[in-house]
Amino acid sequence: LIFAVIALAMFCMGYAGYHRFYAEVGYGAFLCHHKVGAGALARFVKMRIGALSTSTIFLDSDQLEGVDLIIDIVRSQTKNLVILLTKMTLTRPWCAAEIATASTNGTSMVPVICDGYVRLICDDDGLEDEAMAQLDSLWTDREKHQLGQNGIEMTMIKDAYRHLGTLESIQLKRLATIREQEAVVAL
């Protein structure tokens, strides 16, 4: 019985390791967005990327049965996290969890800056402005508890947001023509 338990544990660890490091990633891109600020934009981006690529694109509204697994999907099944940065994106707890998970796990992140986005880090010296300093007061205790249950701590989120601020970004003007927006998505 002990041998069976040890063998089962070793099999589970081997299987998990294989899927983490060797199995093919399930999604070429995961679209991180604030639904109110960019729900329609996320659908547009998914359609345009889908037309240009054979990769599967994750959009949470298409996968509602798996929303409770979003952190695992970002952690182990996503090649690129495409972050549609609107005014409220970084204030949403699930967006923060997705960004922190991608940053912690070395997943490639592609920031797409939309009109109205406000950076939380305001200068080249890395000094935090008031919004970054008050980040942990944005969410309820229940939301913070849910994040914690998924292994996401406020320090991870702040570190991920600092890292996000160092990445090369893509500018997307929401009032541009469809052709101009398609050209940006094609990047």
C-alpha atoms as a PDB file:
ATOM      1  CA  LEU A   1       0.000   0.000   0.000  1.00  0.00           C
ATOM      2  CA  ILE A   2       2.833   2.395   0.843  1.00  0.00           C
ATOM      3  CA  PHE A   3       4.577   1.518  -2.421  1.00  0.00           C
ATOM      4  CA  ALA A   4       1.339   2.219  -4.339  1.00  0.00           C
ATOM      5  CA  VAL A   5       0.940   5.626  -2.674  1.00  0.00           C
ATOM      6  CA  ILE A   6       4.568   6.550  -3.409  1.00  0.00           C
ATOM      7  CA  ALA A   7       4.235   5.368  -7.022  1.00  0.00           C
ATOM      8  CA  LEU A   8       1.008   7.340  -7.473  1.00  0.00           C
ATOM      9  CA  ALA A   9       2.611  10.484  -5.995  1.00  0.00           C
ATOM     10  CA  MET A  10       5.637  10.129  -8.303  1.00  0.00           C
ATOM     11  CA  PHE A  11       3.370   9.621 -11.316  1.00  0.00           C
ATOM     12  CA  CYS A  12       1.345  12.742 -10.448  1.00  0.00           C
ATOM     13  CA  MET A  13       4.484  14.845  -9.992  1.00  0.00           C
ATOM     14  CA  GLY A  14       5.945  13.547 -13.266  1.00  0.00           C
ATOM     15  CA  TYR A  15       2.709  14.182 -15.126  1.00  0.00           C
ATOM     16  CA  ALA A  16       2.426  17.721 -13.740  1.00  0.00           C
ATOM     17  CA  GLY A  17       6.084  18.430 -14.564  1.00  0.00           C
ATOM     18  CA  TYR A  18       5.671  17.172 -18.099  1.00  0.00           C
ATOM     19  CA  HIS A  19       2.654  19.384 -18.689  1.00  0.00           C
ATOM     20  CA  ARG A  20       4.363  22.372 -17.111  1.00  0.00           C
ATOM     21  CA  PHE A  21       7.637  22.159 -19.025  1.00  0.00           C
ATOM     22  CA  TYR A  22       7.187  19.960 -22.091  1.00  0.00           C
ATOM     23  CA  ALA A  23       3.573  19.763 -23.169  1.00  0.00           C
ATOM     24  CA  GLU A  24       2.447  22.141 -25.869  1.00  0.00           C
ATOM     25  CA  VAL A  25       0.833  25.317 -24.578  1.00  0.00           C
ATOM     26  CA  GLY A  26      -2.932  25.305 -25.063  1.00  0.00           C
ATOM     27  CA  TYR A  27      -3.443  29.008 -25.847  1.00  0.00           C
ATOM     28  CA  GLY A  28      -1.297  31.201 -28.040  1.00  0.00           C
ATOM     29  CA  ALA A  29      -2.779  34.246 -26.318  1.00  0.00           C
ATOM     30  CA  PHE A  30      -4.942  34.974 -23.298  1.00  0.00           C
ATOM     31  CA  LEU A  31      -6.820  38.290 -23.456  1.00  0.00           C
ATOM     32  CA  CYS A  32      -6.704  40.093 -20.123  1.00  0.00           C
ATOM     33  CA  HIS A  33      -9.250  42.919 -20.021  1.00  0.00           C
ATOM     34  CA  HIS A  34     -11.792  44.835 -17.963  1.00  0.00           C
ATOM     35  CA  LYS A  35     -15.160  43.748 -19.318  1.00  0.00           C
ATOM     36  CA  VAL A  36     -16.881  47.129 -19.039  1.00  0.00           C
ATOM     37  CA  GLY A  37     -13.927  49.043 -20.476  1.00  0.00           C
ATOM     38  CA  ALA A  38     -12.881  46.609 -23.204  1.00  0.00           C
ATOM     39  CA  GLY A  39     -15.339  43.723 -23.595  1.00  0.00           C
ATOM     40  CA  ALA A  40     -16.151  44.525 -27.225  1.00  0.00           C
ATOM     41  CA  LEU A  41     -12.510  45.389 -27.931  1.00  0.00           C
ATOM     42  CA  ALA A  42     -11.411  42.002 -26.576  1.00  0.00           C
ATOM     43  CA  ARG A  43     -13.875  40.268 -28.928  1.00  0.00           C
ATOM     44  CA  PHE A  44     -12.513  42.338 -31.862  1.00  0.00           C
ATOM     45  CA  VAL A  45      -8.896  41.516 -30.953  1.00  0.00           C
ATOM     46  CA  LYS A  46      -9.731  37.812 -30.639  1.00  0.00           C
ATOM     47  CA  MET A  47     -11.373  37.793 -34.073  1.00  0.00           C
ATOM     48  CA  ARG A  48      -8.474  39.658 -35.696  1.00  0.00           C
ATOM     49  CA  ILE A  49      -5.765  37.498 -34.103  1.00  0.00           C
ATOM     50  CA  GLY A  50      -7.794  34.414 -35.039  1.00  0.00           C
ATOM     51  CA  ALA A  51      -7.844  35.557 -38.653  1.00  0.00           C
ATOM     52  CA  LEU A  52      -4.058  36.027 -38.666  1.00  0.00           C
ATOM     53  CA  SER A  53      -2.951  33.002 -36.650  1.00  0.00           C
ATOM     54  CA  THR A  54      -3.712  29.343 -36.092  1.00  0.00           C
ATOM     55  CA  SER A  55      -3.199  29.750 -32.336  1.00  0.00           C
ATOM     56  CA  THR A  56      -6.119  29.350 -29.986  1.00  0.00           C
ATOM     57  CA  ILE A  57      -7.050  32.588 -28.212  1.00  0.00           C
ATOM     58  CA  PHE A  58      -8.540  32.536 -24.703  1.00  0.00           C
ATOM     59  CA  LEU A  59     -11.343  34.989 -24.022  1.00  0.00           C
ATOM     60  CA  ASP A  60     -13.041  34.318 -20.712  1.00  0.00           C
ATOM     61  CA  SER A  61     -16.563  35.096 -21.944  1.00  0.00           C
ATOM     62  CA  ASP A  62     -16.194  32.172 -24.386  1.00  0.00           C
ATOM     63  CA  GLN A  63     -15.049  29.816 -21.635  1.00  0.00           C
ATOM     64  CA  LEU A  64     -17.406  30.561 -18.747  1.00  0.00           C
ATOM     65  CA  GLU A  65     -17.327  26.988 -17.491  1.00  0.00           C
ATOM     66  CA  GLY A  66     -13.606  27.405 -16.807  1.00  0.00           C
ATOM     67  CA  VAL A  67     -13.534  30.847 -15.182  1.00  0.00           C
ATOM     68  CA  ASP A  68     -12.633  29.361 -11.804  1.00  0.00           C
ATOM     69  CA  LEU A  69      -9.552  27.872 -13.479  1.00  0.00           C
ATOM     70  CA  ILE A  70      -8.333  31.136 -15.030  1.00  0.00           C
ATOM     71  CA  ILE A  71      -5.202  31.356 -12.884  1.00  0.00           C
ATOM     72  CA  ASP A  72      -4.220  27.788 -13.827  1.00  0.00           C
ATOM     73  CA  ILE A  73      -4.870  28.537 -17.492  1.00  0.00           C
ATOM     74  CA  VAL A  74      -2.575  31.589 -17.362  1.00  0.00           C
ATOM     75  CA  ARG A  75       0.024  29.645 -15.342  1.00  0.00           C
ATOM     76  CA  SER A  76       0.276  26.516 -17.451  1.00  0.00           C
ATOM     77  CA  GLN A  77      -1.620  26.833 -20.727  1.00  0.00           C
ATOM     78  CA  THR A  78      -0.820  30.342 -21.999  1.00  0.00           C
ATOM     79  CA  LYS A  79       2.056  31.437 -24.192  1.00  0.00           C
ATOM     80  CA  ASN A  80       1.268  35.195 -24.263  1.00  0.00           C
ATOM     81  CA  LEU A  81      -0.846  37.351 -21.972  1.00  0.00           C
ATOM     82  CA  VAL A  82      -2.256  40.204 -24.065  1.00  0.00           C
ATOM     83  CA  ILE A  83      -3.290  42.936 -21.632  1.00  0.00           C
ATOM     84  CA  LEU A  84      -5.833  45.424 -22.967  1.00  0.00           C
ATOM     85  CA  LEU A  85      -4.988  48.376 -20.733  1.00  0.00           C
ATOM     86  CA  THR A  86      -7.938  50.685 -20.230  1.00  0.00           C
ATOM     87  CA  LYS A  87      -8.585  53.069 -17.348  1.00  0.00           C
ATOM     88  CA  MET A  88      -9.841  50.328 -14.993  1.00  0.00           C
ATOM     89  CA  THR A  89      -7.871  47.219 -16.059  1.00  0.00           C
ATOM     90  CA  LEU A  90      -5.266  47.372 -13.294  1.00  0.00           C
ATOM     91  CA  THR A  91      -7.917  48.046 -10.650  1.00  0.00           C
ATOM     92  CA  ARG A  92      -9.748  44.749 -11.270  1.00  0.00           C
ATOM     93  CA  PRO A  93      -8.740  41.858  -9.006  1.00  0.00           C
ATOM     94  CA  TRP A  94      -8.924  39.118 -11.653  1.00  0.00           C
ATOM     95  CA  CYS A  95      -6.895  41.181 -14.122  1.00  0.00           C
ATOM     96  CA  ALA A  96      -4.337  41.711 -11.348  1.00  0.00           C
ATOM     97  CA  ALA A  97      -4.277  37.964 -10.679  1.00  0.00           C
ATOM     98  CA  GLU A  98      -3.750  37.171 -14.372  1.00  0.00           C
ATOM     99  CA  ILE A  99      -0.927  39.717 -14.690  1.00  0.00           C
ATOM    100  CA  ALA A 100       0.768  38.610 -11.449  1.00  0.00           C
ATOM    101  CA  THR A 101       0.541  34.960 -12.479  1.00  0.00           C
ATOM    102  CA  ALA A 102       2.015  35.644 -15.921  1.00  0.00           C
ATOM    103  CA  SER A 103       4.810  37.761 -14.446  1.00  0.00           C
ATOM    104  CA  THR A 104       5.662  35.205 -11.754  1.00  0.00           C
ATOM    105  CA  ASN A 105       5.715  32.324 -14.245  1.00  0.00           C
ATOM    106  CA  GLY A 106       7.702  34.107 -16.955  1.00  0.00           C
ATOM    107  CA  THR A 107       4.813  34.146 -19.419  1.00  0.00           C
ATOM    108  CA  SER A 108       5.301  36.685 -22.183  1.00  0.00           C
ATOM    109  CA  MET A 109       3.151  39.784 -21.638  1.00  0.00           C
ATOM    110  CA  VAL A 110       2.027  42.148 -24.380  1.00  0.00           C
ATOM    111  CA  PRO A 111       0.645  45.438 -23.021  1.00  0.00           C
ATOM    112  CA  VAL A 112      -1.815  47.120 -25.394  1.00  0.00           C
ATOM    113  CA  ILE A 113      -2.394  50.683 -24.219  1.00  0.00           C
ATOM    114  CA  CYS A 114      -5.827  52.037 -25.072  1.00  0.00           C
ATOM    115  CA  ASP A 115      -7.100  55.602 -24.871  1.00  0.00           C
ATOM    116  CA  GLY A 116      -7.738  56.656 -21.269  1.00  0.00           C
ATOM    117  CA  TYR A 117      -5.200  54.308 -19.659  1.00  0.00           C
ATOM    118  CA  VAL A 118      -3.369  55.840 -16.690  1.00  0.00           C
ATOM    119  CA  ARG A 119      -0.033  54.351 -15.619  1.00  0.00           C
ATOM    120  CA  LEU A 120       0.328  53.513 -11.943  1.00  0.00           C
ATOM    121  CA  ILE A 121       4.071  54.146 -11.921  1.00  0.00           C
ATOM    122  CA  CYS A 122       4.703  57.723 -12.876  1.00  0.00           C
ATOM    123  CA  ASP A 123       8.438  58.292 -13.294  1.00  0.00           C
ATOM    124  CA  ASP A 124      11.658  56.719 -14.510  1.00  0.00           C
ATOM    125  CA  ASP A 125      13.078  56.429 -10.980  1.00  0.00           C
ATOM    126  CA  GLY A 126      10.483  53.781 -10.112  1.00  0.00           C
ATOM    127  CA  LEU A 127       8.833  56.006  -7.528  1.00  0.00           C
ATOM    128  CA  GLU A 128       5.241  54.990  -6.946  1.00  0.00           C
ATOM    129  CA  ASP A 129       2.422  57.446  -7.255  1.00  0.00           C
ATOM    130  CA  GLU A 130      -0.587  57.506  -4.956  1.00  0.00           C
ATOM    131  CA  ALA A 131      -2.579  54.974  -7.003  1.00  0.00           C
ATOM    132  CA  MET A 132       0.134  52.307  -6.691  1.00  0.00           C
ATOM    133  CA  ALA A 133       0.591  53.012  -2.999  1.00  0.00           C
ATOM    134  CA  GLN A 134      -3.146  52.577  -2.394  1.00  0.00           C
ATOM    135  CA  LEU A 135      -3.552  49.537  -4.643  1.00  0.00           C
ATOM    136  CA  ASP A 136      -4.375  47.161  -1.802  1.00  0.00           C
ATOM    137  CA  SER A 137      -7.263  49.381  -0.675  1.00  0.00           C
ATOM    138  CA  LEU A 138      -9.077  48.924  -4.006  1.00  0.00           C
ATOM    139  CA  TRP A 139     -10.464  45.497  -3.250  1.00  0.00           C
ATOM    140  CA  THR A 140     -12.745  44.089  -0.602  1.00  0.00           C
ATOM    141  CA  ASP A 141     -11.493  41.651   2.003  1.00  0.00           C
ATOM    142  CA  ARG A 142     -13.393  38.901   0.156  1.00  0.00           C
ATOM    143  CA  GLU A 143     -11.648  39.719  -3.156  1.00  0.00           C
ATOM    144  CA  LYS A 144      -8.245  39.735  -1.421  1.00  0.00           C
ATOM    145  CA  HIS A 145      -9.119  36.412   0.224  1.00  0.00           C
ATOM    146  CA  GLN A 146     -10.025  34.911  -3.192  1.00  0.00           C
ATOM    147  CA  LEU A 147      -6.735  36.144  -4.619  1.00  0.00           C
ATOM    148  CA  GLY A 148      -4.866  34.687  -1.647  1.00  0.00           C
ATOM    149  CA  GLN A 149      -6.587  31.328  -2.112  1.00  0.00           C
ATOM    150  CA  ASN A 150      -5.141  31.313  -5.618  1.00  0.00           C
ATOM    151  CA  GLY A 151      -1.644  32.106  -4.342  1.00  0.00           C
ATOM    152  CA  ILE A 152      -1.758  35.777  -5.346  1.00  0.00           C
ATOM    153  CA  GLU A 153      -0.401  38.249  -2.789  1.00  0.00           C
ATOM    154  CA  MET A 154      -0.341  42.052  -3.013  1.00  0.00           C
ATOM    155  CA  THR A 155       3.463  42.095  -3.244  1.00  0.00           C
ATOM    156  CA  MET A 156       3.247  39.839  -6.320  1.00  0.00           C
ATOM    157  CA  ILE A 157       0.722  42.186  -7.929  1.00  0.00           C
ATOM    158  CA  LYS A 158       2.817  45.286  -7.245  1.00  0.00           C
ATOM    159  CA  ASP A 159       5.953  43.585  -8.566  1.00  0.00           C
ATOM    160  CA  ALA A 160       4.064  42.467 -11.675  1.00  0.00           C
ATOM    161  CA  TYR A 161       2.726  45.989 -12.263  1.00  0.00           C
ATOM    162  CA  ARG A 162       6.246  47.403 -11.931  1.00  0.00           C
ATOM    163  CA  HIS A 163       7.466  44.827 -14.456  1.00  0.00           C
ATOM    164  CA  LEU A 164       4.548  45.637 -16.749  1.00  0.00           C
ATOM    165  CA  GLY A 165       5.640  49.283 -16.737  1.00  0.00           C
ATOM    166  CA  THR A 166       9.048  48.286 -18.149  1.00  0.00           C
ATOM    167  CA  LEU A 167       7.685  46.352 -21.123  1.00  0.00           C
ATOM    168  CA  GLU A 168       7.460  47.690 -24.633  1.00  0.00           C
ATOM    169  CA  SER A 169       3.816  48.399 -25.341  1.00  0.00           C
ATOM    170  CA  ILE A 170       1.515  48.734 -28.316  1.00  0.00           C
ATOM    171  CA  GLN A 171      -0.713  51.809 -28.673  1.00  0.00           C
ATOM    172  CA  LEU A 172      -4.304  51.190 -29.801  1.00  0.00           C
ATOM    173  CA  LYS A 173      -6.502  54.181 -30.489  1.00  0.00           C
ATOM    174  CA  ARG A 174     -10.095  53.135 -29.935  1.00  0.00           C
ATOM    175  CA  LEU A 175     -11.468  55.812 -32.251  1.00  0.00           C
ATOM    176  CA  ALA A 176      -9.115  54.942 -35.113  1.00  0.00           C
ATOM    177  CA  THR A 177     -10.445  53.380 -38.286  1.00  0.00           C
ATOM    178  CA  ILE A 178     -10.958  49.627 -38.429  1.00  0.00           C
ATOM    179  CA  ARG A 179      -8.004  49.326 -40.827  1.00  0.00           C
ATOM    180  CA  GLU A 180      -5.737  51.221 -38.422  1.00  0.00           C
ATOM    181  CA  GLN A 181      -6.873  49.037 -35.511  1.00  0.00           C
ATOM    182  CA  GLU A 182      -6.380  45.863 -37.559  1.00  0.00           C
ATOM    183  CA  ALA A 183      -2.853  47.012 -38.401  1.00  0.00           C
ATOM    184  CA  VAL A 184      -2.092  47.454 -34.685  1.00  0.00           C
ATOM    185  CA  VAL A 185      -3.481  43.977 -33.841  1.00  0.00           C
ATOM    186  CA  ALA A 186      -1.365  42.490 -36.639  1.00  0.00           C
ATOM    187  CA  LEU A 187       1.769  43.635 -34.786  1.00  0.00           C
END
